[in-house]
Amino acid sequence: MSMLVGLVFTVGGCVWLWLITFFDRAHLQVIGAAMLIGIGGSVLIVTALAMGTELIGPHTVSECD
């Protein structure tokens, strides 16, 4: 579910950047679009790290004994 939320934020920011070409004062709107892309990217990376942690779980072995 959180992967979908991150994807929505990221795609929303990309669509906003695409639509900026049709608006005035685009230099002010780039900040908002960049924030959406940043939020989405952060959510996606945290979700991916959590998924990797769940896959590893307790199956860790140290060969440095």
PDB file of N, CA and C in Angstrom:
ATOM      1  N   MET A   1       0.813  -1.191   0.000  1.00  0.00           N
ATOM      2  CA  MET A   1       0.000   0.000   0.000  1.00  0.00           C
ATOM      3  C   MET A   1       0.861   1.260   0.000  1.00  0.00           C
ATOM      4  N   SER A   2       1.920   1.258   0.811  1.00  0.00           N
ATOM      5  CA  SER A   2       2.766   2.453   0.858  1.00  0.00           C
ATOM      6  C   SER A   2       3.547   2.630  -0.450  1.00  0.00           C
ATOM      7  N   MET A   3       3.817   1.536  -1.154  1.00  0.00           N
ATOM      8  CA  MET A   3       4.476   1.639  -2.453  1.00  0.00           C
ATOM      9  C   MET A   3       3.577   2.392  -3.430  1.00  0.00           C
ATOM     10  N   LEU A   4       2.291   2.136  -3.357  1.00  0.00           N
ATOM     11  CA  LEU A   4       1.329   2.827  -4.224  1.00  0.00           C
ATOM     12  C   LEU A   4       1.256   4.309  -3.884  1.00  0.00           C
ATOM     13  N   VAL A   5       1.297   4.639  -2.606  1.00  0.00           N
ATOM     14  CA  VAL A   5       1.267   6.046  -2.190  1.00  0.00           C
ATOM     15  C   VAL A   5       2.500   6.776  -2.719  1.00  0.00           C
ATOM     16  N   GLY A   6       3.664   6.168  -2.586  1.00  0.00           N
ATOM     17  CA  GLY A   6       4.878   6.773  -3.119  1.00  0.00           C
ATOM     18  C   GLY A   6       4.828   6.946  -4.625  1.00  0.00           C
ATOM     19  N   LEU A   7       4.275   5.968  -5.292  1.00  0.00           N
ATOM     20  CA  LEU A   7       4.142   6.046  -6.743  1.00  0.00           C
ATOM     21  C   LEU A   7       3.201   7.166  -7.152  1.00  0.00           C
ATOM     22  N   VAL A   8       2.110   7.340  -6.418  1.00  0.00           N
ATOM     23  CA  VAL A   8       1.152   8.416  -6.724  1.00  0.00           C
ATOM     24  C   VAL A   8       1.812   9.780  -6.549  1.00  0.00           C
ATOM     25  N   PHE A   9       2.573   9.959  -5.461  1.00  0.00           N
ATOM     26  CA  PHE A   9       3.275  11.230  -5.262  1.00  0.00           C
ATOM     27  C   PHE A   9       4.271  11.488  -6.385  1.00  0.00           C
ATOM     28  N   THR A  10       5.041  10.482  -6.752  1.00  0.00           N
ATOM     29  CA  THR A  10       6.059  10.658  -7.784  1.00  0.00           C
ATOM     30  C   THR A  10       5.445  10.952  -9.144  1.00  0.00           C
ATOM     31  N   VAL A  11       4.446  10.182  -9.518  1.00  0.00           N
ATOM     32  CA  VAL A  11       3.795  10.410 -10.814  1.00  0.00           C
ATOM     33  C   VAL A  11       3.075  11.755 -10.815  1.00  0.00           C
ATOM     34  N   GLY A  12       2.476  12.112  -9.676  1.00  0.00           N
ATOM     35  CA  GLY A  12       1.823  13.420  -9.578  1.00  0.00           C
ATOM     36  C   GLY A  12       2.798  14.564  -9.793  1.00  0.00           C
ATOM     37  N   GLY A  13       3.990  14.449  -9.199  1.00  0.00           N
ATOM     38  CA  GLY A  13       5.006  15.474  -9.411  1.00  0.00           C
ATOM     39  C   GLY A  13       5.478  15.533 -10.851  1.00  0.00           C
ATOM     40  N   CYS A  14       5.614  14.370 -11.488  1.00  0.00           N
ATOM     41  CA  CYS A  14       6.030  14.341 -12.899  1.00  0.00           C
ATOM     42  C   CYS A  14       4.966  14.948 -13.806  1.00  0.00           C
ATOM     43  N   VAL A  15       3.714  14.640 -13.537  1.00  0.00           N
ATOM     44  CA  VAL A  15       2.626  15.225 -14.341  1.00  0.00           C
ATOM     45  C   VAL A  15       2.578  16.733 -14.134  1.00  0.00           C
ATOM     46  N   TRP A  16       2.790  17.175 -12.897  1.00  0.00           N
ATOM     47  CA  TRP A  16       2.806  18.606 -12.615  1.00  0.00           C
ATOM     48  C   TRP A  16       3.933  19.284 -13.398  1.00  0.00           C
ATOM     49  N   LEU A  17       5.111  18.664 -13.432  1.00  0.00           N
ATOM     50  CA  LEU A  17       6.210  19.228 -14.217  1.00  0.00           C
ATOM     51  C   LEU A  17       5.866  19.304 -15.699  1.00  0.00           C
ATOM     52  N   TRP A  18       5.160  18.316 -16.182  1.00  0.00           N
ATOM     53  CA  TRP A  18       4.761  18.338 -17.586  1.00  0.00           C
ATOM     54  C   TRP A  18       3.748  19.457 -17.841  1.00  0.00           C
ATOM     55  N   LEU A  19       2.842  19.673 -16.899  1.00  0.00           N
ATOM     56  CA  LEU A  19       1.813  20.703 -17.066  1.00  0.00           C
ATOM     57  C   LEU A  19       2.354  22.114 -16.870  1.00  0.00           C
ATOM     58  N   ILE A  20       3.507  22.255 -16.230  1.00  0.00           N
ATOM     59  CA  ILE A  20       4.076  23.582 -15.985  1.00  0.00           C
ATOM     60  C   ILE A  20       4.321  24.328 -17.290  1.00  0.00           C
ATOM     61  N   THR A  21       4.570  23.606 -18.352  1.00  0.00           N
ATOM     62  CA  THR A  21       4.856  24.269 -19.624  1.00  0.00           C
ATOM     63  C   THR A  21       3.665  25.073 -20.129  1.00  0.00           C
ATOM     64  N   PHE A  22       2.472  24.802 -19.614  1.00  0.00           N
ATOM     65  CA  PHE A  22       1.278  25.505 -20.059  1.00  0.00           C
ATOM     66  C   PHE A  22       0.890  26.661 -19.140  1.00  0.00           C
ATOM     67  N   PHE A  23       1.608  26.852 -18.030  1.00  0.00           N
ATOM     68  CA  PHE A  23       1.247  27.875 -17.047  1.00  0.00           C
ATOM     69  C   PHE A  23       2.268  29.001 -17.020  1.00  0.00           C
ATOM     70  N   ASP A  24       1.842  30.136 -16.450  1.00  0.00           N
ATOM     71  CA  ASP A  24       2.766  31.229 -16.191  1.00  0.00           C
ATOM     72  C   ASP A  24       3.425  31.003 -14.836  1.00  0.00           C
ATOM     73  N   ARG A  25       4.481  31.728 -14.580  1.00  0.00           N
ATOM     74  CA  ARG A  25       5.225  31.644 -13.329  1.00  0.00           C
ATOM     75  C   ARG A  25       5.653  30.212 -13.017  1.00  0.00           C
ATOM     76  N   ALA A  26       6.196  29.556 -14.004  1.00  0.00           N
ATOM     77  CA  ALA A  26       6.611  28.165 -13.849  1.00  0.00           C
ATOM     78  C   ALA A  26       7.730  28.023 -12.823  1.00  0.00           C
ATOM     79  N   HIS A  27       8.551  29.059 -12.679  1.00  0.00           N
ATOM     80  CA  HIS A  27       9.677  28.953 -11.757  1.00  0.00           C
ATOM     81  C   HIS A  27       9.214  28.790 -10.311  1.00  0.00           C
ATOM     82  N   LEU A  28       8.021  29.245  -9.984  1.00  0.00           N
ATOM     83  CA  LEU A  28       7.500  29.068  -8.629  1.00  0.00           C
ATOM     84  C   LEU A  28       6.872  27.687  -8.441  1.00  0.00           C
ATOM     85  N   GLN A  29       6.353  27.118  -9.498  1.00  0.00           N
ATOM     86  CA  GLN A  29       5.682  25.827  -9.399  1.00  0.00           C
ATOM     87  C   GLN A  29       6.649  24.653  -9.395  1.00  0.00           C
ATOM     88  N   VAL A  30       7.850  24.871  -9.866  1.00  0.00           N
ATOM     89  CA  VAL A  30       8.838  23.792  -9.885  1.00  0.00           C
ATOM     90  C   VAL A  30       9.140  23.315  -8.466  1.00  0.00           C
ATOM     91  N   ILE A  31       9.097  24.240  -7.499  1.00  0.00           N
ATOM     92  CA  ILE A  31       9.380  23.872  -6.110  1.00  0.00           C
ATOM     93  C   ILE A  31       8.356  22.870  -5.597  1.00  0.00           C
ATOM     94  N   GLY A  32       7.082  23.115  -5.861  1.00  0.00           N
ATOM     95  CA  GLY A  32       6.033  22.194  -5.434  1.00  0.00           C
ATOM     96  C   GLY A  32       6.148  20.836  -6.099  1.00  0.00           C
ATOM     97  N   ALA A  33       6.436  20.832  -7.386  1.00  0.00           N
ATOM     98  CA  ALA A  33       6.593  19.567  -8.097  1.00  0.00           C
ATOM     99  C   ALA A  33       7.803  18.797  -7.580  1.00  0.00           C
ATOM    100  N   ALA A  34       8.880  19.505  -7.295  1.00  0.00           N
ATOM    101  CA  ALA A  34      10.071  18.843  -6.761  1.00  0.00           C
ATOM    102  C   ALA A  34       9.796  18.258  -5.379  1.00  0.00           C
ATOM    103  N   MET A  35       8.983  18.945  -4.592  1.00  0.00           N
ATOM    104  CA  MET A  35       8.629  18.415  -3.277  1.00  0.00           C
ATOM    105  C   MET A  35       7.824  17.127  -3.405  1.00  0.00           C
ATOM    106  N   LEU A  36       6.890  17.081  -4.336  1.00  0.00           N
ATOM    107  CA  LEU A  36       6.111  15.857  -4.540  1.00  0.00           C
ATOM    108  C   LEU A  36       7.003  14.700  -4.972  1.00  0.00           C
ATOM    109  N   ILE A  37       7.916  14.966  -5.893  1.00  0.00           N
ATOM    110  CA  ILE A  37       8.821  13.914  -6.356  1.00  0.00           C
ATOM    111  C   ILE A  37       9.739  13.460  -5.217  1.00  0.00           C
ATOM    112  N   GLY A  38      10.189  14.395  -4.388  1.00  0.00           N
ATOM    113  CA  GLY A  38      11.031  14.041  -3.257  1.00  0.00           C
ATOM    114  C   GLY A  38      10.300  13.196  -2.217  1.00  0.00           C
ATOM    115  N   ILE A  39       9.063  13.580  -1.921  1.00  0.00           N
ATOM    116  CA  ILE A  39       8.258  12.801  -0.973  1.00  0.00           C
ATOM    117  C   ILE A  39       8.031  11.395  -1.513  1.00  0.00           C
ATOM    118  N   GLY A  40       7.650  11.304  -2.785  1.00  0.00           N
ATOM    119  CA  GLY A  40       7.406   9.997  -3.390  1.00  0.00           C
ATOM    120  C   GLY A  40       8.641   9.134  -3.413  1.00  0.00           C
ATOM    121  N   GLY A  41       9.790   9.717  -3.756  1.00  0.00           N
ATOM    122  CA  GLY A  41      11.029   8.957  -3.783  1.00  0.00           C
ATOM    123  C   GLY A  41      11.426   8.464  -2.406  1.00  0.00           C
ATOM    124  N   SER A  42      11.215   9.308  -1.392  1.00  0.00           N
ATOM    125  CA  SER A  42      11.542   8.898  -0.019  1.00  0.00           C
ATOM    126  C   SER A  42      10.659   7.748   0.437  1.00  0.00           C
ATOM    127  N   VAL A  43       9.371   7.838   0.143  1.00  0.00           N
ATOM    128  CA  VAL A  43       8.453   6.761   0.525  1.00  0.00           C
ATOM    129  C   VAL A  43       8.833   5.463  -0.184  1.00  0.00           C
ATOM    130  N   LEU A  44       9.184   5.564  -1.459  1.00  0.00           N
ATOM    131  CA  LEU A  44       9.547   4.363  -2.217  1.00  0.00           C
ATOM    132  C   LEU A  44      10.819   3.720  -1.679  1.00  0.00           C
ATOM    133  N   ILE A  45      11.832   4.518  -1.339  1.00  0.00           N
ATOM    134  CA  ILE A  45      13.087   3.924  -0.873  1.00  0.00           C
ATOM    135  C   ILE A  45      12.928   3.309   0.513  1.00  0.00           C
ATOM    136  N   VAL A  46      12.156   3.953   1.387  1.00  0.00           N
ATOM    137  CA  VAL A  46      11.937   3.385   2.717  1.00  0.00           C
ATOM    138  C   VAL A  46      11.133   2.093   2.611  1.00  0.00           C
ATOM    139  N   THR A  47      10.146   2.074   1.733  1.00  0.00           N
ATOM    140  CA  THR A  47       9.345   0.862   1.546  1.00  0.00           C
ATOM    141  C   THR A  47      10.197  -0.273   0.981  1.00  0.00           C
ATOM    142  N   ALA A  48      11.061   0.042   0.025  1.00  0.00           N
ATOM    143  CA  ALA A  48      11.930  -0.989  -0.557  1.00  0.00           C
ATOM    144  C   ALA A  48      12.899  -1.540   0.485  1.00  0.00           C
ATOM    145  N   LEU A  49      13.441  -0.674   1.332  1.00  0.00           N
ATOM    146  CA  LEU A  49      14.340  -1.149   2.381  1.00  0.00           C
ATOM    147  C   LEU A  49      13.604  -2.021   3.392  1.00  0.00           C
ATOM    148  N   ALA A  50      12.380  -1.648   3.724  1.00  0.00           N
ATOM    149  CA  ALA A  50      11.594  -2.451   4.664  1.00  0.00           C
ATOM    150  C   ALA A  50      11.250  -3.814   4.062  1.00  0.00           C
ATOM    151  N   MET A  51      10.943  -3.847   2.776  1.00  0.00           N
ATOM    152  CA  MET A  51      10.645  -5.113   2.120  1.00  0.00           C
ATOM    153  C   MET A  51      11.879  -6.017   2.102  1.00  0.00           C
ATOM    154  N   GLY A  52      13.043  -5.431   1.847  1.00  0.00           N
ATOM    155  CA  GLY A  52      14.275  -6.217   1.864  1.00  0.00           C
ATOM    156  C   GLY A  52      14.584  -6.767   3.240  1.00  0.00           C
ATOM    157  N   THR A  53      14.323  -5.954   4.259  1.00  0.00           N
ATOM    158  CA  THR A  53      14.539  -6.408   5.635  1.00  0.00           C
ATOM    159  C   THR A  53      13.617  -7.563   5.986  1.00  0.00           C
ATOM    160  N   GLU A  54      12.371  -7.496   5.543  1.00  0.00           N
ATOM    161  CA  GLU A  54      11.433  -8.590   5.802  1.00  0.00           C
ATOM    162  C   GLU A  54      11.845  -9.864   5.076  1.00  0.00           C
ATOM    163  N   LEU A  55      12.416  -9.730   3.888  1.00  0.00           N
ATOM    164  CA  LEU A  55      12.859 -10.913   3.149  1.00  0.00           C
ATOM    165  C   LEU A  55      14.047 -11.579   3.836  1.00  0.00           C
ATOM    166  N   ILE A  56      14.953 -10.781   4.379  1.00  0.00           N
ATOM    167  CA  ILE A  56      16.115 -11.349   5.065  1.00  0.00           C
ATOM    168  C   ILE A  56      15.687 -11.959   6.393  1.00  0.00           C
ATOM    169  N   GLY A  57      14.921 -11.185   7.169  1.00  0.00           N
ATOM    170  CA  GLY A  57      14.401 -11.664   8.446  1.00  0.00           C
ATOM    171  C   GLY A  57      15.488 -12.197   9.357  1.00  0.00           C
ATOM    172  N   PRO A  58      15.228 -13.319  10.015  1.00  0.00           N
ATOM    173  CA  PRO A  58      16.223 -13.867  10.938  1.00  0.00           C
ATOM    174  C   PRO A  58      17.276 -14.739  10.252  1.00  0.00           C
ATOM    175  N   HIS A  59      17.261 -14.808   8.934  1.00  0.00           N
ATOM    176  CA  HIS A  59      18.169 -15.688   8.212  1.00  0.00           C
ATOM    177  C   HIS A  59      19.512 -15.006   7.956  1.00  0.00           C
ATOM    178  N   THR A  60      20.190 -14.658   9.033  1.00  0.00           N
ATOM    179  CA  THR A  60      21.510 -14.048   8.901  1.00  0.00           C
ATOM    180  C   THR A  60      22.533 -14.966   9.568  1.00  0.00           C
ATOM    181  N   VAL A  61      23.638 -15.142   8.878  1.00  0.00           N
ATOM    182  CA  VAL A  61      24.719 -15.988   9.387  1.00  0.00           C
ATOM    183  C   VAL A  61      26.016 -15.216   9.227  1.00  0.00           C
ATOM    184  N   SER A  62      26.798 -15.178  10.264  1.00  0.00           N
ATOM    185  CA  SER A  62      28.074 -14.514  10.202  1.00  0.00           C
ATOM    186  C   SER A  62      29.163 -15.554   9.954  1.00  0.00           C
ATOM    187  N   GLU A  63      29.976 -15.333   8.941  1.00  0.00           N
ATOM    188  CA  GLU A  63      31.067 -16.252   8.620  1.00  0.00           C
ATOM    189  C   GLU A  63      32.361 -15.805   9.289  1.00  0.00           C
ATOM    190  N   CYS A  64      32.311 -14.771  10.101  1.00  0.00           N
ATOM    191  CA  CYS A  64      33.519 -14.215  10.720  1.00  0.00           C
ATOM    192  C   CYS A  64      33.670 -14.689  12.161  1.00  0.00           C
ATOM    193  N   ASP A  65      33.560 -15.968  12.426  1.00  0.00           N
ATOM    194  CA  ASP A  65      33.689 -16.469  13.803  1.00  0.00           C
ATOM    195  C   ASP A  65      35.098 -16.814  14.145  1.00  0.00           C
TER     196      ASP A  65
END
